Amino acid sequence: MANILVVDDSVSIRQLASFTLTSIGHSVTEAEDGVEALSKAQSQQYDLVLTDRNMPNKNGIELVLDLRQLPEYQAIPILMLTTEADTTKKMEGKEAGLTGWIVKPFNPDELIKLITKVLN
């Protein structure tokens, strides 16, 4: 199964996403903001990154831009998990290199479907 990095400043969202993904066999590492996530991504390879948009220190869009600069992260799926549903924000994410967008609160079954789809 996949090695996934879950990034969110909300402990409860990180835990829910981690529980959902580990329940189907994925390995999950958590980070509380983009700075911690980038550090972890530079020291370990992940198959997928699931990140919030609005976080302190380094937001999700900044994280995506930084990850896409790293050769090992140019082609891996990066999904945004956020309360933002605005089309302009989604376009900003797509231009930064996002693979997909999930609006919070999320349905665990929908998260599993999307993760399975982008990993295959």
C-alpha atoms as a PDB file:
ATOM      1  CA  MET A   1       0.000   0.000   0.000  1.00  0.00           C
ATOM      2  CA  ALA A   2       0.948   3.669  -0.202  1.00  0.00           C
ATOM      3  CA  ASN A   3       3.046   5.834   2.086  1.00  0.00           C
ATOM      4  CA  ILE A   4       0.952   8.996   2.615  1.00  0.00           C
ATOM      5  CA  LEU A   5       1.772  12.368   4.204  1.00  0.00           C
ATOM      6  CA  VAL A   6      -1.252  14.034   5.854  1.00  0.00           C
ATOM      7  CA  VAL A   7      -0.801  17.754   6.568  1.00  0.00           C
ATOM      8  CA  ASP A   8      -3.304  19.792   8.582  1.00  0.00           C
ATOM      9  CA  ASP A   9      -3.099  22.180  11.531  1.00  0.00           C
ATOM     10  CA  SER A  10      -6.241  20.558  12.983  1.00  0.00           C
ATOM     11  CA  VAL A  11      -5.351  17.525  15.108  1.00  0.00           C
ATOM     12  CA  SER A  12      -8.842  16.055  14.688  1.00  0.00           C
ATOM     13  CA  ILE A  13      -8.728  16.275  10.868  1.00  0.00           C
ATOM     14  CA  ARG A  14      -5.255  14.696  10.802  1.00  0.00           C
ATOM     15  CA  GLN A  15      -6.448  11.893  13.065  1.00  0.00           C
ATOM     16  CA  LEU A  16      -9.624  11.268  11.045  1.00  0.00           C
ATOM     17  CA  ALA A  17      -7.727  11.201   7.741  1.00  0.00           C
ATOM     18  CA  SER A  18      -5.003   8.984   9.238  1.00  0.00           C
ATOM     19  CA  PHE A  19      -7.529   6.569  10.724  1.00  0.00           C
ATOM     20  CA  THR A  20      -9.429   6.386   7.421  1.00  0.00           C
ATOM     21  CA  LEU A  21      -6.284   5.701   5.385  1.00  0.00           C
ATOM     22  CA  THR A  22      -4.605   3.262   7.795  1.00  0.00           C
ATOM     23  CA  SER A  23      -7.877   1.304   8.018  1.00  0.00           C
ATOM     24  CA  ILE A  24      -7.402   0.308   4.374  1.00  0.00           C
ATOM     25  CA  GLY A  25      -3.720  -0.522   4.747  1.00  0.00           C
ATOM     26  CA  HIS A  26      -1.877   2.698   3.930  1.00  0.00           C
ATOM     27  CA  SER A  27       1.040   3.966   6.004  1.00  0.00           C
ATOM     28  CA  VAL A  28       0.446   7.539   7.210  1.00  0.00           C
ATOM     29  CA  THR A  29       2.789  10.217   8.527  1.00  0.00           C
ATOM     30  CA  GLU A  30       1.279  13.400   9.963  1.00  0.00           C
ATOM     31  CA  ALA A  31       2.530  17.002   9.849  1.00  0.00           C
ATOM     32  CA  GLU A  32       0.878  20.028  11.453  1.00  0.00           C
ATOM     33  CA  ASP A  33       1.900  22.638   8.863  1.00  0.00           C
ATOM     34  CA  GLY A  34       3.676  23.120   5.560  1.00  0.00           C
ATOM     35  CA  VAL A  35       7.069  23.723   7.154  1.00  0.00           C
ATOM     36  CA  GLU A  36       7.006  20.394   9.000  1.00  0.00           C
ATOM     37  CA  ALA A  37       5.572  18.642   5.925  1.00  0.00           C
ATOM     38  CA  LEU A  38       8.308  19.936   3.617  1.00  0.00           C
ATOM     39  CA  SER A  39      10.971  18.827   6.086  1.00  0.00           C
ATOM     40  CA  LYS A  40       9.468  15.335   6.269  1.00  0.00           C
ATOM     41  CA  ALA A  41       9.077  15.147   2.478  1.00  0.00           C
ATOM     42  CA  GLN A  42      12.744  16.030   2.014  1.00  0.00           C
ATOM     43  CA  SER A  43      13.857  13.213   4.325  1.00  0.00           C
ATOM     44  CA  GLN A  44      11.408  10.499   3.253  1.00  0.00           C
ATOM     45  CA  GLN A  45       9.612   9.687  -0.019  1.00  0.00           C
ATOM     46  CA  TYR A  46       5.803   9.669   0.028  1.00  0.00           C
ATOM     47  CA  ASP A  47       3.490   8.225  -2.614  1.00  0.00           C
ATOM     48  CA  LEU A  48       0.814  10.862  -1.993  1.00  0.00           C
ATOM     49  CA  VAL A  49       0.426  14.107  -0.030  1.00  0.00           C
ATOM     50  CA  LEU A  50      -2.929  15.168   1.436  1.00  0.00           C
ATOM     51  CA  THR A  51      -2.755  18.769   2.663  1.00  0.00           C
ATOM     52  CA  ASP A  52      -4.943  21.482   4.108  1.00  0.00           C
ATOM     53  CA  ARG A  53      -4.900  24.895   2.418  1.00  0.00           C
ATOM     54  CA  ASN A  54      -5.089  27.287   5.363  1.00  0.00           C
ATOM     55  CA  MET A  55      -2.286  26.607   7.848  1.00  0.00           C
ATOM     56  CA  PRO A  56       0.183  28.737   9.812  1.00  0.00           C
ATOM     57  CA  ASN A  57       3.863  29.050   8.815  1.00  0.00           C
ATOM     58  CA  LYS A  58       3.440  27.657   5.279  1.00  0.00           C
ATOM     59  CA  ASN A  59       0.014  27.210   3.711  1.00  0.00           C
ATOM     60  CA  GLY A  60      -1.012  24.349   1.435  1.00  0.00           C
ATOM     61  CA  ILE A  61      -0.466  26.232  -1.822  1.00  0.00           C
ATOM     62  CA  GLU A  62       3.047  27.244  -0.740  1.00  0.00           C
ATOM     63  CA  LEU A  63       3.712  23.611   0.224  1.00  0.00           C
ATOM     64  CA  VAL A  64       2.549  22.358  -3.181  1.00  0.00           C
ATOM     65  CA  LEU A  65       4.786  24.876  -4.966  1.00  0.00           C
ATOM     66  CA  ASP A  66       7.771  23.828  -2.831  1.00  0.00           C
ATOM     67  CA  LEU A  67       7.106  20.102  -3.313  1.00  0.00           C
ATOM     68  CA  ARG A  68       6.775  20.452  -7.087  1.00  0.00           C
ATOM     69  CA  GLN A  69      10.296  21.952  -7.140  1.00  0.00           C
ATOM     70  CA  LEU A  70      11.693  18.660  -5.794  1.00  0.00           C
ATOM     71  CA  PRO A  71      12.399  16.102  -8.559  1.00  0.00           C
ATOM     72  CA  GLU A  72      10.953  13.217  -6.525  1.00  0.00           C
ATOM     73  CA  TYR A  73       7.637  15.081  -6.048  1.00  0.00           C
ATOM     74  CA  GLN A  74       7.042  16.376  -9.567  1.00  0.00           C
ATOM     75  CA  ALA A  75       4.720  13.509 -10.478  1.00  0.00           C
ATOM     76  CA  ILE A  76       3.243  12.258  -7.201  1.00  0.00           C
ATOM     77  CA  PRO A  77      -0.412  13.046  -6.430  1.00  0.00           C
ATOM     78  CA  ILE A  78      -1.036  15.983  -4.103  1.00  0.00           C
ATOM     79  CA  LEU A  79      -4.586  16.466  -2.854  1.00  0.00           C
ATOM     80  CA  MET A  80      -5.962  19.519  -1.046  1.00  0.00           C
ATOM     81  CA  LEU A  81      -8.356  18.851   1.857  1.00  0.00           C
ATOM     82  CA  THR A  82      -9.909  22.203   2.792  1.00  0.00           C
ATOM     83  CA  THR A  83     -13.028  24.160   3.725  1.00  0.00           C
ATOM     84  CA  GLU A  84     -12.450  26.321   0.630  1.00  0.00           C
ATOM     85  CA  ALA A  85     -14.776  25.526  -2.271  1.00  0.00           C
ATOM     86  CA  ASP A  86     -14.284  28.694  -4.330  1.00  0.00           C
ATOM     87  CA  THR A  87     -13.504  28.138  -8.017  1.00  0.00           C
ATOM     88  CA  THR A  88     -10.763  30.797  -7.941  1.00  0.00           C
ATOM     89  CA  LYS A  89      -9.013  28.991  -5.066  1.00  0.00           C
ATOM     90  CA  LYS A  90      -9.313  25.672  -6.924  1.00  0.00           C
ATOM     91  CA  MET A  91      -7.732  27.228 -10.032  1.00  0.00           C
ATOM     92  CA  GLU A  92      -4.911  28.614  -7.885  1.00  0.00           C
ATOM     93  CA  GLY A  93      -4.345  25.096  -6.551  1.00  0.00           C
ATOM     94  CA  LYS A  94      -4.389  23.542  -9.999  1.00  0.00           C
ATOM     95  CA  GLU A  95      -1.877  26.112 -11.266  1.00  0.00           C
ATOM     96  CA  ALA A  96       0.374  25.304  -8.282  1.00  0.00           C
ATOM     97  CA  GLY A  97       0.338  21.622  -9.244  1.00  0.00           C
ATOM     98  CA  LEU A  98      -2.513  20.060  -7.264  1.00  0.00           C
ATOM     99  CA  THR A  99      -3.916  16.752  -8.429  1.00  0.00           C
ATOM    100  CA  GLY A 100      -7.304  17.086  -6.725  1.00  0.00           C
ATOM    101  CA  TRP A 101      -9.468  18.951  -4.193  1.00  0.00           C
ATOM    102  CA  ILE A 102     -11.651  17.618  -1.357  1.00  0.00           C
ATOM    103  CA  VAL A 103     -13.941  19.917   0.632  1.00  0.00           C
ATOM    104  CA  LYS A 104     -14.224  19.541   4.425  1.00  0.00           C
ATOM    105  CA  PRO A 105     -16.046  18.092   6.154  1.00  0.00           C
ATOM    106  CA  PHE A 106     -15.183  15.034   4.116  1.00  0.00           C
ATOM    107  CA  ASN A 107     -16.876  11.679   3.803  1.00  0.00           C
ATOM    108  CA  PRO A 108     -14.304   8.955   4.636  1.00  0.00           C
ATOM    109  CA  ASP A 109     -15.640   6.721   1.834  1.00  0.00           C
ATOM    110  CA  GLU A 110     -15.220   9.543  -0.695  1.00  0.00           C
ATOM    111  CA  LEU A 111     -11.676  10.164   0.542  1.00  0.00           C
ATOM    112  CA  ILE A 112     -10.865   6.465   0.101  1.00  0.00           C
ATOM    113  CA  LYS A 113     -12.335   6.470  -3.434  1.00  0.00           C
ATOM    114  CA  LEU A 114     -10.341   9.521  -4.491  1.00  0.00           C
ATOM    115  CA  ILE A 115      -7.076   8.301  -2.944  1.00  0.00           C
ATOM    116  CA  THR A 116      -7.518   4.889  -4.594  1.00  0.00           C
ATOM    117  CA  LYS A 117      -8.254   6.535  -7.946  1.00  0.00           C
ATOM    118  CA  VAL A 118      -5.222   8.839  -7.966  1.00  0.00           C
ATOM    119  CA  LEU A 119      -2.854   6.109  -6.763  1.00  0.00           C
ATOM    120  CA  ASN A 120      -3.851   3.754  -9.604  1.00  0.00           C
END
